[in-house]
PDB file of all heavy atoms in Angstrom:
ATOM      1  N   SER A   1      12.812  -0.855  -1.066  1.00  0.00           N
ATOM      2  CA  SER A   1      11.950  -0.499   0.059  1.00  0.00           C
ATOM      3  C   SER A   1      12.658  -0.722   1.377  1.00  0.00           C
ATOM      4  O   SER A   1      12.175  -1.430   2.263  1.00  0.00           O
ATOM      5  CB  SER A   1      10.638  -1.272  -0.012  1.00  0.00           C
ATOM      6  OG  SER A   1      10.884  -2.676  -0.010  1.00  0.00           O
ATOM      7  N   VAL A   2      13.805  -0.070   1.559  1.00  0.00           N
ATOM      8  CA  VAL A   2      14.538  -0.185   2.821  1.00  0.00           C
ATOM      9  C   VAL A   2      13.771   0.583   3.876  1.00  0.00           C
ATOM     10  O   VAL A   2      13.397   1.718   3.701  1.00  0.00           O
ATOM     11  CB  VAL A   2      15.966   0.361   2.690  1.00  0.00           C
ATOM     12  CG1 VAL A   2      16.675   0.351   4.027  1.00  0.00           C
ATOM     13  CG2 VAL A   2      16.761  -0.443   1.657  1.00  0.00           C
ATOM     14  N   THR A   3      13.505  -0.063   5.010  1.00  0.00           N
ATOM     15  CA  THR A   3      12.603   0.458   6.053  1.00  0.00           C
ATOM     16  C   THR A   3      12.946   1.894   6.398  1.00  0.00           C
ATOM     17  O   THR A   3      14.146   2.240   6.546  1.00  0.00           O
ATOM     18  CB  THR A   3      12.656  -0.440   7.274  1.00  0.00           C
ATOM     19  OG1 THR A   3      11.654  -0.046   8.216  1.00  0.00           O
ATOM     20  CG2 THR A   3      14.022  -0.414   7.985  1.00  0.00           C
ATOM     21  N   PRO A   4      11.951   2.783   6.495  1.00  0.00           N
ATOM     22  CA  PRO A   4      10.521   2.548   6.387  1.00  0.00           C
ATOM     23  C   PRO A   4       9.949   2.849   4.984  1.00  0.00           C
ATOM     24  O   PRO A   4       8.749   3.061   4.871  1.00  0.00           O
ATOM     25  CB  PRO A   4       9.953   3.547   7.399  1.00  0.00           C
ATOM     26  CG  PRO A   4      10.886   4.728   7.278  1.00  0.00           C
ATOM     27  CD  PRO A   4      12.241   4.151   7.017  1.00  0.00           C
ATOM     28  N   GLU A   5      10.799   2.849   4.005  1.00  0.00           N
ATOM     29  CA  GLU A   5      10.339   3.136   2.633  1.00  0.00           C
ATOM     30  C   GLU A   5       9.510   1.972   2.096  1.00  0.00           C
ATOM     31  O   GLU A   5       9.809   0.802   2.380  1.00  0.00           O
ATOM     32  CB  GLU A   5      11.513   3.391   1.717  1.00  0.00           C
ATOM     33  CG  GLU A   5      12.301   4.665   2.028  1.00  0.00           C
ATOM     34  CD  GLU A   5      11.458   5.910   1.853  1.00  0.00           C
ATOM     35  OE1 GLU A   5      10.632   5.937   0.915  1.00  0.00           O
ATOM     36  OE2 GLU A   5      11.581   6.830   2.681  1.00  0.00           O
ATOM     37  N   ASP A   6       8.506   2.308   1.322  1.00  0.00           N
ATOM     38  CA  ASP A   6       7.699   1.297   0.635  1.00  0.00           C
ATOM     39  C   ASP A   6       8.038   1.202  -0.855  1.00  0.00           C
ATOM     40  O   ASP A   6       7.963   0.107  -1.435  1.00  0.00           O
ATOM     41  CB  ASP A   6       6.201   1.639   0.790  1.00  0.00           C
ATOM     42  CG  ASP A   6       5.335   0.751  -0.070  1.00  0.00           C
ATOM     43  OD1 ASP A   6       5.173  -0.431   0.282  1.00  0.00           O
ATOM     44  OD2 ASP A   6       4.812   1.222  -1.112  1.00  0.00           O
ATOM     45  N   ALA A   7       8.462   2.306  -1.444  1.00  0.00           N
ATOM     46  CA  ALA A   7       8.974   2.349  -2.810  1.00  0.00           C
ATOM     47  C   ALA A   7       8.024   1.785  -3.866  1.00  0.00           C
ATOM     48  O   ALA A   7       8.446   1.220  -4.851  1.00  0.00           O
ATOM     49  CB  ALA A   7      10.339   1.595  -2.883  1.00  0.00           C
ATOM     50  N   GLY A   8       6.721   1.912  -3.602  1.00  0.00           N
ATOM     51  CA  GLY A   8       5.736   1.497  -4.593  1.00  0.00           C
ATOM     52  C   GLY A   8       5.278   0.057  -4.471  1.00  0.00           C
ATOM     53  O   GLY A   8       4.446  -0.384  -5.292  1.00  0.00           O
ATOM     54  N   CYS A   9       5.754  -0.665  -3.471  1.00  0.00           N
ATOM     55  CA  CYS A   9       5.315  -2.056  -3.325  1.00  0.00           C
ATOM     56  C   CYS A   9       3.828  -2.152  -3.041  1.00  0.00           C
ATOM     57  O   CYS A   9       3.110  -2.995  -3.618  1.00  0.00           O
ATOM     58  CB  CYS A   9       6.090  -2.732  -2.172  1.00  0.00           C
ATOM     59  SG  CYS A   9       7.851  -2.993  -2.485  1.00  0.00           S
ATOM     60  N   GLN A  10       3.333  -1.285  -2.167  1.00  0.00           N
ATOM     61  CA  GLN A  10       1.906  -1.368  -1.787  1.00  0.00           C
ATOM     62  C   GLN A  10       1.035  -0.962  -2.971  1.00  0.00           C
ATOM     63  O   GLN A  10      -0.070  -1.502  -3.133  1.00  0.00           O
ATOM     64  CB  GLN A  10       1.665  -0.496  -0.557  1.00  0.00           C
ATOM     65  CG  GLN A  10       2.317  -1.083   0.692  1.00  0.00           C
ATOM     66  CD  GLN A  10       2.017  -0.311   1.970  1.00  0.00           C
ATOM     67  OE1 GLN A  10       0.973   0.333   2.074  1.00  0.00           O
ATOM     68  NE2 GLN A  10       2.919  -0.368   2.929  1.00  0.00           N
ATOM     69  N   GLU A  11       1.473   0.017  -3.767  1.00  0.00           N
ATOM     70  CA  GLU A  11       0.706   0.380  -4.937  1.00  0.00           C
ATOM     71  C   GLU A  11       0.519  -0.810  -5.877  1.00  0.00           C
ATOM     72  O   GLU A  11      -0.549  -1.018  -6.444  1.00  0.00           O
ATOM     73  CB  GLU A  11       1.400   1.512  -5.692  1.00  0.00           C
ATOM     74  CG  GLU A  11       1.403   2.850  -4.945  1.00  0.00           C
ATOM     75  CD  GLU A  11       2.134   3.925  -5.698  1.00  0.00           C
ATOM     76  OE1 GLU A  11       2.484   3.684  -6.881  1.00  0.00           O
ATOM     77  OE2 GLU A  11       2.391   4.995  -5.108  1.00  0.00           O
ATOM     78  N   LEU A  12       1.558  -1.584  -6.020  1.00  0.00           N
ATOM     79  CA  LEU A  12       1.511  -2.786  -6.884  1.00  0.00           C
ATOM     80  C   LEU A  12       0.525  -3.787  -6.327  1.00  0.00           C
ATOM     81  O   LEU A  12      -0.289  -4.352  -7.043  1.00  0.00           O
ATOM     82  CB  LEU A  12       2.906  -3.379  -6.981  1.00  0.00           C
ATOM     83  CG  LEU A  12       3.084  -4.610  -7.880  1.00  0.00           C
ATOM     84  CD1 LEU A  12       2.702  -4.292  -9.311  1.00  0.00           C
ATOM     85  CD2 LEU A  12       4.548  -5.105  -7.811  1.00  0.00           C
ATOM     86  N   MET A  13       0.560  -4.002  -5.002  1.00  0.00           N
ATOM     87  CA  MET A  13      -0.370  -4.942  -4.368  1.00  0.00           C
ATOM     88  C   MET A  13      -1.786  -4.446  -4.457  1.00  0.00           C
ATOM     89  O   MET A  13      -2.735  -5.219  -4.764  1.00  0.00           O
ATOM     90  CB  MET A  13       0.031  -5.190  -2.915  1.00  0.00           C
ATOM     91  CG  MET A  13       1.367  -5.890  -2.714  1.00  0.00           C
ATOM     92  SD  MET A  13       1.765  -6.171  -0.976  1.00  0.00           S
ATOM     93  CE  MET A  13       0.512  -7.401  -0.543  1.00  0.00           C
ATOM     94  N   VAL A  14      -1.988  -3.172  -4.179  1.00  0.00           N
ATOM     95  CA  VAL A  14      -3.332  -2.586  -4.193  1.00  0.00           C
ATOM     96  C   VAL A  14      -3.950  -2.691  -5.571  1.00  0.00           C
ATOM     97  O   VAL A  14      -5.167  -2.998  -5.702  1.00  0.00           O
ATOM     98  CB  VAL A  14      -3.284  -1.117  -3.726  1.00  0.00           C
ATOM     99  CG1 VAL A  14      -4.541  -0.361  -4.097  1.00  0.00           C
ATOM    100  CG2 VAL A  14      -3.080  -1.043  -2.194  1.00  0.00           C
ATOM    101  N   GLU A  15      -3.163  -2.460  -6.598  1.00  0.00           N
ATOM    102  CA  GLU A  15      -3.692  -2.584  -7.972  1.00  0.00           C
ATOM    103  C   GLU A  15      -4.245  -3.983  -8.240  1.00  0.00           C
ATOM    104  O   GLU A  15      -5.324  -4.154  -8.812  1.00  0.00           O
ATOM    105  CB  GLU A  15      -2.562  -2.292  -8.965  1.00  0.00           C
ATOM    106  CG  GLU A  15      -2.976  -2.344 -10.422  1.00  0.00           C
ATOM    107  CD  GLU A  15      -1.850  -2.037 -11.378  1.00  0.00           C
ATOM    108  OE1 GLU A  15      -0.793  -1.548 -10.902  1.00  0.00           O
ATOM    109  OE2 GLU A  15      -1.996  -2.299 -12.584  1.00  0.00           O
ATOM    110  N   ARG A  16      -3.526  -4.985  -7.745  1.00  0.00           N
ATOM    111  CA  ARG A  16      -3.978  -6.378  -7.915  1.00  0.00           C
ATOM    112  C   ARG A  16      -5.240  -6.656  -7.098  1.00  0.00           C
ATOM    113  O   ARG A  16      -6.144  -7.355  -7.540  1.00  0.00           O
ATOM    114  CB  ARG A  16      -2.869  -7.369  -7.560  1.00  0.00           C
ATOM    115  CG  ARG A  16      -1.576  -7.208  -8.340  1.00  0.00           C
ATOM    116  CD  ARG A  16      -1.648  -7.873  -9.681  1.00  0.00           C
ATOM    117  NE  ARG A  16      -1.507  -9.312  -9.618  1.00  0.00           N
ATOM    118  CZ  ARG A  16      -0.382  -9.985  -9.875  1.00  0.00           C
ATOM    119  NH1 ARG A  16       0.713  -9.317 -10.248  1.00  0.00           N
ATOM    120  NH2 ARG A  16      -0.354 -11.312  -9.833  1.00  0.00           N
ATOM    121  N   LEU A  17      -5.279  -6.131  -5.884  1.00  0.00           N
ATOM    122  CA  LEU A  17      -6.401  -6.403  -5.003  1.00  0.00           C
ATOM    123  C   LEU A  17      -7.662  -5.654  -5.434  1.00  0.00           C
ATOM    124  O   LEU A  17      -8.761  -6.194  -5.333  1.00  0.00           O
ATOM    125  CB  LEU A  17      -6.027  -6.021  -3.550  1.00  0.00           C
ATOM    126  CG  LEU A  17      -4.905  -6.869  -2.906  1.00  0.00           C
ATOM    127  CD1 LEU A  17      -4.570  -6.368  -1.535  1.00  0.00           C
ATOM    128  CD2 LEU A  17      -5.282  -8.346  -2.860  1.00  0.00           C
ATOM    129  N   GLU A  18      -7.505  -4.423  -5.884  1.00  0.00           N
ATOM    130  CA  GLU A  18      -8.678  -3.694  -6.386  1.00  0.00           C
ATOM    131  C   GLU A  18      -9.307  -4.411  -7.551  1.00  0.00           C
ATOM    132  O   GLU A  18     -10.541  -4.443  -7.684  1.00  0.00           O
ATOM    133  CB  GLU A  18      -8.259  -2.277  -6.815  1.00  0.00           C
ATOM    134  CG  GLU A  18      -8.049  -1.329  -5.654  1.00  0.00           C
ATOM    135  CD  GLU A  18      -7.697   0.068  -6.095  1.00  0.00           C
ATOM    136  OE1 GLU A  18      -7.023   0.205  -7.145  1.00  0.00           O
ATOM    137  OE2 GLU A  18      -8.096   1.031  -5.415  1.00  0.00           O
ATOM    138  N   ALA A  19      -8.497  -5.049  -8.392  1.00  0.00           N
ATOM    139  CA  ALA A  19      -9.028  -5.793  -9.546  1.00  0.00           C
ATOM    140  C   ALA A  19      -9.868  -6.985  -9.099  1.00  0.00           C
ATOM    141  O   ALA A  19     -10.710  -7.489  -9.843  1.00  0.00           O
ATOM    142  CB  ALA A  19      -7.891  -6.269 -10.442  1.00  0.00           C
ATOM    143  N   LEU A  20      -9.671  -7.410  -7.837  1.00  0.00           N
ATOM    144  CA  LEU A  20     -10.409  -8.535  -7.282  1.00  0.00           C
ATOM    145  C   LEU A  20     -11.648  -8.102  -6.508  1.00  0.00           C
ATOM    146  O   LEU A  20     -12.366  -8.923  -5.944  1.00  0.00           O
ATOM    147  CB  LEU A  20      -9.517  -9.387  -6.370  1.00  0.00           C
ATOM    148  CG  LEU A  20      -8.300 -10.036  -7.057  1.00  0.00           C
ATOM    149  CD1 LEU A  20      -7.381 -10.654  -5.998  1.00  0.00           C
ATOM    150  CD2 LEU A  20      -8.750 -11.083  -8.063  1.00  0.00           C
ATOM    151  N   GLY A  21     -11.870  -6.780  -6.400  1.00  0.00           N
ATOM    152  CA  GLY A  21     -13.015  -6.294  -5.689  1.00  0.00           C
ATOM    153  C   GLY A  21     -12.783  -5.936  -4.227  1.00  0.00           C
ATOM    154  O   GLY A  21     -13.738  -5.746  -3.464  1.00  0.00           O
ATOM    155  N   PHE A  22     -11.520  -5.821  -3.840  1.00  0.00           N
ATOM    156  CA  PHE A  22     -11.225  -5.430  -2.433  1.00  0.00           C
ATOM    157  C   PHE A  22     -11.482  -3.939  -2.250  1.00  0.00           C
ATOM    158  O   PHE A  22     -11.198  -3.118  -3.116  1.00  0.00           O
ATOM    159  CB  PHE A  22      -9.753  -5.708  -2.114  1.00  0.00           C
ATOM    160  CG  PHE A  22      -9.484  -7.130  -1.724  1.00  0.00           C
ATOM    161  CD1 PHE A  22      -9.367  -8.131  -2.693  1.00  0.00           C
ATOM    162  CD2 PHE A  22      -9.337  -7.491  -0.389  1.00  0.00           C
ATOM    163  CE1 PHE A  22      -9.103  -9.427  -2.329  1.00  0.00           C
ATOM    164  CE2 PHE A  22      -9.072  -8.800  -0.008  1.00  0.00           C
ATOM    165  CZ  PHE A  22      -8.965  -9.774  -0.992  1.00  0.00           C
ATOM    166  N   GLN A  23     -12.036  -3.607  -1.082  1.00  0.00           N
ATOM    167  CA  GLN A  23     -12.067  -2.223  -0.630  1.00  0.00           C
ATOM    168  C   GLN A  23     -10.726  -1.894  -0.017  1.00  0.00           C
ATOM    169  O   GLN A  23     -10.233  -2.654   0.845  1.00  0.00           O
ATOM    170  CB  GLN A  23     -13.168  -2.009   0.395  1.00  0.00           C
ATOM    171  CG  GLN A  23     -14.596  -2.129  -0.124  1.00  0.00           C
ATOM    172  CD  GLN A  23     -15.589  -1.991   1.010  1.00  0.00           C
ATOM    173  OE1 GLN A  23     -15.904  -2.942   1.717  1.00  0.00           O
ATOM    174  NE2 GLN A  23     -16.052  -0.761   1.225  1.00  0.00           N
ATOM    175  N   ILE A  24     -10.143  -0.780  -0.415  1.00  0.00           N
ATOM    176  CA  ILE A  24      -8.813  -0.407   0.051  1.00  0.00           C
ATOM    177  C   ILE A  24      -8.929   0.785   1.002  1.00  0.00           C
ATOM    178  O   ILE A  24      -9.560   1.771   0.686  1.00  0.00           O
ATOM    179  CB  ILE A  24      -7.899  -0.032  -1.137  1.00  0.00           C
ATOM    180  CG1 ILE A  24      -7.920  -1.151  -2.210  1.00  0.00           C
ATOM    181  CG2 ILE A  24      -6.473   0.219  -0.638  1.00  0.00           C
ATOM    182  CD1 ILE A  24      -7.403  -2.486  -1.747  1.00  0.00           C
ATOM    183  N   PHE A  25      -8.253   0.675   2.151  1.00  0.00           N
ATOM    184  CA  PHE A  25      -8.258   1.739   3.136  1.00  0.00           C
ATOM    185  C   PHE A  25      -6.803   2.093   3.473  1.00  0.00           C
ATOM    186  O   PHE A  25      -6.167   1.452   4.315  1.00  0.00           O
ATOM    187  CB  PHE A  25      -8.981   1.284   4.419  1.00  0.00           C
ATOM    188  CG  PHE A  25     -10.430   0.938   4.179  1.00  0.00           C
ATOM    189  CD1 PHE A  25     -10.778  -0.355   3.797  1.00  0.00           C
ATOM    190  CD2 PHE A  25     -11.419   1.912   4.301  1.00  0.00           C
ATOM    191  CE1 PHE A  25     -12.113  -0.666   3.575  1.00  0.00           C
ATOM    192  CE2 PHE A  25     -12.746   1.582   4.063  1.00  0.00           C
ATOM    193  CZ  PHE A  25     -13.097   0.285   3.685  1.00  0.00           C
ATOM    194  N   PRO A  26      -6.238   3.082   2.783  1.00  0.00           N
ATOM    195  CA  PRO A  26      -4.872   3.527   3.090  1.00  0.00           C
ATOM    196  C   PRO A  26      -4.833   4.058   4.526  1.00  0.00           C
ATOM    197  O   PRO A  26      -5.709   4.843   4.926  1.00  0.00           O
ATOM    198  CB  PRO A  26      -4.600   4.632   2.069  1.00  0.00           C
ATOM    199  CG  PRO A  26      -5.604   4.411   0.979  1.00  0.00           C
ATOM    200  CD  PRO A  26      -6.822   3.857   1.677  1.00  0.00           C
ATOM    201  N   ARG A  27      -3.824   3.680   5.279  1.00  0.00           N
ATOM    202  CA  ARG A  27      -3.691   4.131   6.659  1.00  0.00           C
ATOM    203  C   ARG A  27      -2.261   4.619   6.933  1.00  0.00           C
ATOM    204  O   ARG A  27      -1.566   4.108   7.802  1.00  0.00           O
ATOM    205  CB  ARG A  27      -4.061   3.015   7.657  1.00  0.00           C
ATOM    206  CG  ARG A  27      -5.476   2.455   7.534  1.00  0.00           C
ATOM    207  CD  ARG A  27      -6.538   3.503   7.666  1.00  0.00           C
ATOM    208  NE  ARG A  27      -6.393   4.259   8.910  1.00  0.00           N
ATOM    209  CZ  ARG A  27      -7.015   5.411   9.170  1.00  0.00           C
ATOM    210  NH1 ARG A  27      -7.798   5.946   8.237  1.00  0.00           N
ATOM    211  NH2 ARG A  27      -6.819   6.028  10.318  1.00  0.00           N
ATOM    212  N   PRO A  28      -1.787   5.605   6.185  1.00  0.00           N
ATOM    213  CA  PRO A  28      -0.428   6.103   6.404  1.00  0.00           C
ATOM    214  C   PRO A  28      -0.296   6.753   7.758  1.00  0.00           C
ATOM    215  O   PRO A  28      -1.276   7.307   8.287  1.00  0.00           O
ATOM    216  CB  PRO A  28      -0.225   7.132   5.258  1.00  0.00           C
ATOM    217  CG  PRO A  28      -1.631   7.593   4.947  1.00  0.00           C
ATOM    218  CD  PRO A  28      -2.506   6.379   5.153  1.00  0.00           C
ATOM    219  N   HIS A  29       0.897   6.680   8.350  1.00  0.00           N
ATOM    220  CA  HIS A  29       1.134   7.336   9.611  1.00  0.00           C
ATOM    221  C   HIS A  29       2.578   7.840   9.631  1.00  0.00           C
ATOM    222  O   HIS A  29       3.507   7.055   9.488  1.00  0.00           O
ATOM    223  CB  HIS A  29       0.872   6.390  10.792  1.00  0.00           C
ATOM    224  CG  HIS A  29       0.773   7.071  12.106  1.00  0.00           C
ATOM    225  ND1 HIS A  29      -0.373   7.699  12.539  1.00  0.00           N
ATOM    226  CD2 HIS A  29       1.702   7.281  13.066  1.00  0.00           C
ATOM    227  CE1 HIS A  29      -0.170   8.237  13.747  1.00  0.00           C
ATOM    228  NE2 HIS A  29       1.097   7.980  14.090  1.00  0.00           N
ATOM    229  N   VAL A  30       2.723   9.158   9.791  1.00  0.00           N
ATOM    230  CA  VAL A  30       4.035   9.823   9.779  1.00  0.00           C
ATOM    231  C   VAL A  30       4.715   9.461   8.433  1.00  0.00           C
ATOM    232  O   VAL A  30       4.178   9.790   7.389  1.00  0.00           O
ATOM    233  CB  VAL A  30       4.877   9.475  10.983  1.00  0.00           C
ATOM    234  CG1 VAL A  30       6.120  10.357  11.075  1.00  0.00           C
ATOM    235  CG2 VAL A  30       4.069   9.631  12.292  1.00  0.00           C
ATOM    236  N   ASP A  31       5.849   8.779   8.482  1.00  0.00           N
ATOM    237  CA  ASP A  31       6.580   8.459   7.260  1.00  0.00           C
ATOM    238  C   ASP A  31       6.354   7.030   6.787  1.00  0.00           C
ATOM    239  O   ASP A  31       7.118   6.526   5.951  1.00  0.00           O
ATOM    240  CB  ASP A  31       8.079   8.703   7.455  1.00  0.00           C
ATOM    241  CG  ASP A  31       8.669   7.851   8.578  1.00  0.00           C
ATOM    242  OD1 ASP A  31       7.859   7.291   9.377  1.00  0.00           O
ATOM    243  OD2 ASP A  31       9.881   7.734   8.673  1.00  0.00           O
ATOM    244  N   VAL A  32       5.302   6.377   7.301  1.00  0.00           N
ATOM    245  CA  VAL A  32       5.086   4.967   7.005  1.00  0.00           C
ATOM    246  C   VAL A  32       3.803   4.807   6.199  1.00  0.00           C
ATOM    247  O   VAL A  32       2.774   5.425   6.484  1.00  0.00           O
ATOM    248  CB  VAL A  32       4.978   4.173   8.341  1.00  0.00           C
ATOM    249  CG1 VAL A  32       4.522   2.731   8.072  1.00  0.00           C
ATOM    250  CG2 VAL A  32       6.310   4.190   9.046  1.00  0.00           C
ATOM    251  N   LYS A  33       3.866   3.933   5.187  1.00  0.00           N
ATOM    252  CA  LYS A  33       2.699   3.574   4.422  1.00  0.00           C
ATOM    253  C   LYS A  33       2.093   2.281   4.960  1.00  0.00           C
ATOM    254  O   LYS A  33       2.832   1.308   5.199  1.00  0.00           O
ATOM    255  CB  LYS A  33       3.047   3.427   2.958  1.00  0.00           C
ATOM    256  CG  LYS A  33       3.294   4.716   2.209  1.00  0.00           C
ATOM    257  CD  LYS A  33       3.410   4.495   0.701  1.00  0.00           C
ATOM    258  CE  LYS A  33       3.511   5.830  -0.034  1.00  0.00           C
ATOM    259  NZ  LYS A  33       3.576   5.617  -1.507  1.00  0.00           N
ATOM    260  N   ASN A  34       0.796   2.271   5.146  1.00  0.00           N
ATOM    261  CA  ASN A  34       0.063   1.099   5.589  1.00  0.00           C
ATOM    262  C   ASN A  34      -1.240   1.032   4.807  1.00  0.00           C
ATOM    263  O   ASN A  34      -1.731   2.057   4.338  1.00  0.00           O
ATOM    264  CB  ASN A  34      -0.305   1.175   7.085  1.00  0.00           C
ATOM    265  CG  ASN A  34       0.850   1.540   7.990  1.00  0.00           C
ATOM    266  OD1 ASN A  34       1.821   0.788   8.081  1.00  0.00           O
ATOM    267  ND2 ASN A  34       0.743   2.667   8.641  1.00  0.00           N
ATOM    268  N   PHE A  35      -1.764  -0.162   4.673  1.00  0.00           N
ATOM    269  CA  PHE A  35      -3.135  -0.258   4.159  1.00  0.00           C
ATOM    270  C   PHE A  35      -3.851  -1.457   4.717  1.00  0.00           C
ATOM    271  O   PHE A  35      -3.223  -2.458   5.087  1.00  0.00           O
ATOM    272  CB  PHE A  35      -3.193  -0.229   2.611  1.00  0.00           C
ATOM    273  CG  PHE A  35      -2.811  -1.505   1.924  1.00  0.00           C
ATOM    274  CD1 PHE A  35      -3.740  -2.561   1.765  1.00  0.00           C
ATOM    275  CD2 PHE A  35      -1.546  -1.685   1.362  1.00  0.00           C
ATOM    276  CE1 PHE A  35      -3.386  -3.750   1.096  1.00  0.00           C
ATOM    277  CE2 PHE A  35      -1.194  -2.840   0.705  1.00  0.00           C
ATOM    278  CZ  PHE A  35      -2.108  -3.879   0.564  1.00  0.00           C
TER     279      PHE A  35
END
């Protein structure tokens, strides 16, 4: 995940957080992934 690449890191985190009942709001902007 060399900047600004995420390379699937956020997907991994989101999977864990969704299992805990978190509401997920993806907020991508241009070439950047945010949530």
